[in-house]
N, C-alpha and C. Protein backbone atom coordinates (compact mmCIF):
# COMPACT_ATOMS: atom_id res chain seq x y z
N MET A 1 116.42 73.58 78.79
CA MET A 1 115.02 73.94 78.98
C MET A 1 114.15 72.90 78.28
N GLN A 2 113.03 72.62 78.85
CA GLN A 2 112.12 71.63 78.28
C GLN A 2 111.51 72.15 76.99
N PRO A 3 111.16 71.24 76.08
CA PRO A 3 110.55 71.66 74.80
C PRO A 3 109.29 72.50 74.99
N LEU A 4 108.46 72.16 75.98
CA LEU A 4 107.25 72.95 76.23
C LEU A 4 107.62 74.37 76.66
N HIS A 5 108.62 74.50 77.50
CA HIS A 5 109.07 75.82 77.94
C HIS A 5 109.55 76.63 76.74
N ASP A 6 110.33 76.00 75.87
CA ASP A 6 110.82 76.68 74.67
C ASP A 6 109.67 77.17 73.81
N LEU A 7 108.68 76.32 73.64
CA LEU A 7 107.52 76.66 72.81
C LEU A 7 106.75 77.85 73.40
N VAL A 8 106.49 77.80 74.70
CA VAL A 8 105.74 78.88 75.36
C VAL A 8 106.52 80.18 75.31
N ASN A 9 107.80 80.13 75.63
CA ASN A 9 108.61 81.35 75.61
C ASN A 9 108.71 81.94 74.21
N LYS A 10 108.86 81.08 73.21
CA LYS A 10 108.93 81.57 71.83
C LYS A 10 107.61 82.24 71.44
N ARG A 11 106.52 81.65 71.87
CA ARG A 11 105.20 82.22 71.54
C ARG A 11 105.03 83.60 72.17
N VAL A 12 105.44 83.74 73.43
CA VAL A 12 105.36 85.04 74.11
C VAL A 12 106.28 86.03 73.41
N GLN A 13 107.49 85.60 73.11
CA GLN A 13 108.50 86.47 72.50
C GLN A 13 108.04 86.99 71.13
N ASN A 14 107.28 86.18 70.41
CA ASN A 14 106.92 86.52 69.04
C ASN A 14 105.48 87.00 68.87
N ILE A 15 104.84 87.43 69.94
CA ILE A 15 103.48 87.94 69.82
C ILE A 15 103.48 89.17 68.90
N THR A 16 102.49 89.27 68.08
CA THR A 16 102.40 90.41 67.16
C THR A 16 101.62 91.55 67.82
N LYS A 17 101.75 92.71 67.25
CA LYS A 17 101.02 93.88 67.76
C LYS A 17 99.52 93.60 67.71
N LYS A 18 99.07 93.04 66.60
CA LYS A 18 97.64 92.74 66.44
C LYS A 18 97.17 91.79 67.55
N GLU A 19 97.95 90.74 67.80
CA GLU A 19 97.59 89.78 68.85
C GLU A 19 97.59 90.44 70.22
N LEU A 20 98.58 91.28 70.47
CA LEU A 20 98.64 91.97 71.76
C LEU A 20 97.41 92.84 71.96
N LEU A 21 97.03 93.59 70.95
CA LEU A 21 95.86 94.46 71.05
C LEU A 21 94.58 93.64 71.19
N GLU A 22 94.50 92.50 70.50
CA GLU A 22 93.32 91.63 70.63
C GLU A 22 93.21 91.06 72.04
N GLN A 23 94.33 90.62 72.60
CA GLN A 23 94.31 90.07 73.96
C GLN A 23 93.98 91.17 74.98
N ALA A 24 94.50 92.35 74.76
CA ALA A 24 94.19 93.47 75.66
C ALA A 24 92.69 93.74 75.65
N ALA A 25 92.11 93.77 74.46
CA ALA A 25 90.65 94.00 74.35
C ALA A 25 89.88 92.85 75.01
N ARG A 26 90.35 91.64 74.81
CA ARG A 26 89.68 90.47 75.40
C ARG A 26 89.64 90.54 76.92
N PHE A 27 90.71 91.05 77.51
CA PHE A 27 90.78 91.14 78.97
C PHE A 27 90.42 92.54 79.48
N ARG A 28 89.87 93.36 78.58
CA ARG A 28 89.41 94.71 78.90
C ARG A 28 90.52 95.56 79.51
N VAL A 29 91.67 95.54 78.83
CA VAL A 29 92.82 96.33 79.25
C VAL A 29 93.08 97.36 78.16
N ALA A 30 93.17 98.62 78.57
CA ALA A 30 93.42 99.69 77.61
C ALA A 30 94.90 99.73 77.24
N VAL A 31 95.20 99.40 76.00
CA VAL A 31 96.56 99.48 75.47
C VAL A 31 96.46 100.22 74.14
N ASN A 32 97.22 101.32 74.02
CA ASN A 32 97.17 102.07 72.77
C ASN A 32 98.27 101.60 71.81
N ASP A 33 98.25 102.11 70.59
CA ASP A 33 99.20 101.69 69.56
C ASP A 33 100.64 101.94 69.98
N ARG A 34 100.92 103.08 70.58
CA ARG A 34 102.29 103.42 70.99
C ARG A 34 102.78 102.43 72.03
N GLN A 35 101.94 102.13 73.01
CA GLN A 35 102.32 101.17 74.06
C GLN A 35 102.57 99.79 73.46
N ALA A 36 101.69 99.38 72.57
CA ALA A 36 101.85 98.06 71.93
C ALA A 36 103.15 98.01 71.15
N ASP A 37 103.43 99.05 70.38
CA ASP A 37 104.69 99.10 69.62
C ASP A 37 105.90 99.02 70.54
N GLU A 38 105.88 99.77 71.62
CA GLU A 38 107.01 99.80 72.54
C GLU A 38 107.20 98.44 73.24
N PHE A 39 106.10 97.83 73.64
CA PHE A 39 106.19 96.54 74.31
C PHE A 39 106.68 95.46 73.34
N ILE A 40 106.17 95.46 72.12
CA ILE A 40 106.60 94.49 71.11
C ILE A 40 108.09 94.69 70.80
N GLU A 41 108.52 95.93 70.71
CA GLU A 41 109.94 96.23 70.48
C GLU A 41 110.79 95.67 71.63
N TRP A 42 110.35 95.88 72.86
CA TRP A 42 111.09 95.36 74.00
C TRP A 42 111.18 93.83 73.93
N LEU A 43 110.05 93.19 73.64
CA LEU A 43 110.05 91.73 73.54
C LEU A 43 111.02 91.22 72.48
N SER A 44 111.13 91.97 71.39
CA SER A 44 112.00 91.52 70.29
C SER A 44 113.48 91.67 70.60
N THR A 45 113.81 92.43 71.63
CA THR A 45 115.22 92.68 71.93
C THR A 45 115.65 92.09 73.28
N HIS A 46 114.77 91.37 73.94
CA HIS A 46 115.10 90.77 75.24
C HIS A 46 114.72 89.30 75.25
N GLN A 47 115.47 88.51 75.98
CA GLN A 47 115.16 87.10 76.12
C GLN A 47 114.00 86.94 77.09
N VAL A 48 112.97 86.25 76.64
CA VAL A 48 111.81 86.00 77.47
C VAL A 48 111.90 84.58 78.01
N ASP A 49 111.72 84.44 79.30
CA ASP A 49 111.65 83.12 79.94
C ASP A 49 110.67 83.24 81.10
N ILE A 50 109.41 82.97 80.82
CA ILE A 50 108.41 83.13 81.88
C ILE A 50 108.51 82.05 82.94
N PHE A 51 109.38 81.07 82.73
CA PHE A 51 109.58 80.03 83.73
C PHE A 51 110.71 80.39 84.70
N SER A 52 111.38 81.48 84.43
CA SER A 52 112.43 81.98 85.31
C SER A 52 111.86 83.14 86.13
N GLU A 53 111.96 83.04 87.44
CA GLU A 53 111.42 84.11 88.29
C GLU A 53 112.06 85.45 87.95
N GLN A 54 113.35 85.47 87.74
CA GLN A 54 114.06 86.71 87.43
C GLN A 54 113.59 87.31 86.10
N LYS A 55 113.51 86.50 85.06
CA LYS A 55 113.08 86.99 83.75
C LYS A 55 111.60 87.37 83.75
N ARG A 56 110.79 86.61 84.48
CA ARG A 56 109.36 86.93 84.58
C ARG A 56 109.17 88.27 85.30
N THR A 57 109.95 88.50 86.35
CA THR A 57 109.89 89.77 87.07
C THR A 57 110.28 90.92 86.14
N GLU A 58 111.32 90.70 85.35
CA GLU A 58 111.75 91.71 84.37
C GLU A 58 110.63 92.01 83.38
N LEU A 59 109.95 90.97 82.92
CA LEU A 59 108.83 91.14 82.00
C LEU A 59 107.71 91.95 82.65
N PHE A 60 107.34 91.61 83.89
CA PHE A 60 106.27 92.32 84.58
C PHE A 60 106.66 93.78 84.84
N GLN A 61 107.89 94.02 85.22
CA GLN A 61 108.34 95.39 85.47
C GLN A 61 108.32 96.22 84.18
N THR A 62 108.70 95.60 83.09
CA THR A 62 108.66 96.29 81.80
C THR A 62 107.22 96.56 81.39
N ALA A 63 106.36 95.58 81.58
CA ALA A 63 104.94 95.77 81.27
C ALA A 63 104.38 96.92 82.10
N GLU A 64 104.74 96.98 83.37
CA GLU A 64 104.27 98.08 84.22
C GLU A 64 104.78 99.43 83.74
N ARG A 65 106.04 99.48 83.34
CA ARG A 65 106.63 100.74 82.87
C ARG A 65 106.00 101.20 81.55
N ILE A 66 105.78 100.27 80.64
CA ILE A 66 105.28 100.61 79.31
C ILE A 66 103.76 100.70 79.27
N LEU A 67 103.10 99.73 79.87
CA LEU A 67 101.64 99.62 79.74
C LEU A 67 100.88 100.25 80.91
N GLY A 68 101.50 100.23 82.08
CA GLY A 68 100.84 100.77 83.27
C GLY A 68 100.70 99.70 84.34
N LYS A 69 100.51 100.16 85.56
CA LYS A 69 100.44 99.25 86.72
C LYS A 69 99.25 98.30 86.64
N LYS A 70 98.09 98.84 86.31
CA LYS A 70 96.88 98.01 86.22
C LYS A 70 97.03 96.95 85.13
N GLU A 71 97.58 97.35 84.01
CA GLU A 71 97.74 96.44 82.88
C GLU A 71 98.75 95.33 83.20
N ALA A 72 99.81 95.67 83.90
CA ALA A 72 100.80 94.66 84.30
C ALA A 72 100.17 93.67 85.29
N ALA A 73 99.31 94.17 86.15
CA ALA A 73 98.62 93.30 87.11
C ALA A 73 97.73 92.30 86.38
N VAL A 74 97.11 92.73 85.29
CA VAL A 74 96.27 91.82 84.50
C VAL A 74 97.13 90.73 83.88
N LEU A 75 98.33 91.09 83.42
CA LEU A 75 99.25 90.10 82.87
C LEU A 75 99.57 89.03 83.92
N GLU A 76 99.83 89.47 85.13
CA GLU A 76 100.09 88.51 86.21
C GLU A 76 98.86 87.64 86.47
N ASP A 77 97.67 88.25 86.44
CA ASP A 77 96.43 87.49 86.65
C ASP A 77 96.23 86.44 85.56
N ILE A 78 96.59 86.79 84.33
CA ILE A 78 96.45 85.86 83.21
C ILE A 78 97.33 84.64 83.44
N LEU A 79 98.52 84.85 83.98
CA LEU A 79 99.46 83.75 84.19
C LEU A 79 99.19 82.96 85.47
N ARG A 80 98.41 83.51 86.39
CA ARG A 80 98.18 82.87 87.69
C ARG A 80 97.65 81.43 87.58
N PRO A 81 96.73 81.10 86.65
CA PRO A 81 96.26 79.70 86.57
C PRO A 81 97.38 78.70 86.25
N TYR A 82 98.49 79.21 85.75
CA TYR A 82 99.60 78.34 85.37
C TYR A 82 100.71 78.36 86.41
N LYS A 83 100.38 78.85 87.61
CA LYS A 83 101.40 79.03 88.64
C LYS A 83 102.12 77.74 89.01
N HIS A 84 101.45 76.61 88.90
CA HIS A 84 102.13 75.36 89.22
C HIS A 84 103.25 75.06 88.23
N PHE A 85 103.15 75.57 87.00
CA PHE A 85 104.23 75.43 86.02
C PHE A 85 105.30 76.50 86.24
N LEU A 86 104.85 77.71 86.61
CA LEU A 86 105.74 78.86 86.69
C LEU A 86 106.34 79.06 88.05
N LYS A 87 105.81 78.36 89.05
CA LYS A 87 106.26 78.52 90.42
C LYS A 87 106.07 79.95 90.91
N LEU A 88 104.86 80.50 90.68
CA LEU A 88 104.54 81.86 91.12
C LEU A 88 104.28 81.87 92.61
């Protein structure tokens, strides 16, 4: 994997609860403490690779299950500008 990919994946994998809640507020997405805790726990126990279609799909499905359908859609929207890197 390229160094940039490693850096991006590590950053996603290591997001803190505080950062997650700040980003949710920034994008006007309702995420409560329980959801944030559960999502952060999932991230800490799974390999994140947003450059892999399979792993990215797993991430989006988990986000939908934990955070909700609307919130998972926002996550996809956030990544859409980078589609040329992610091959969305």
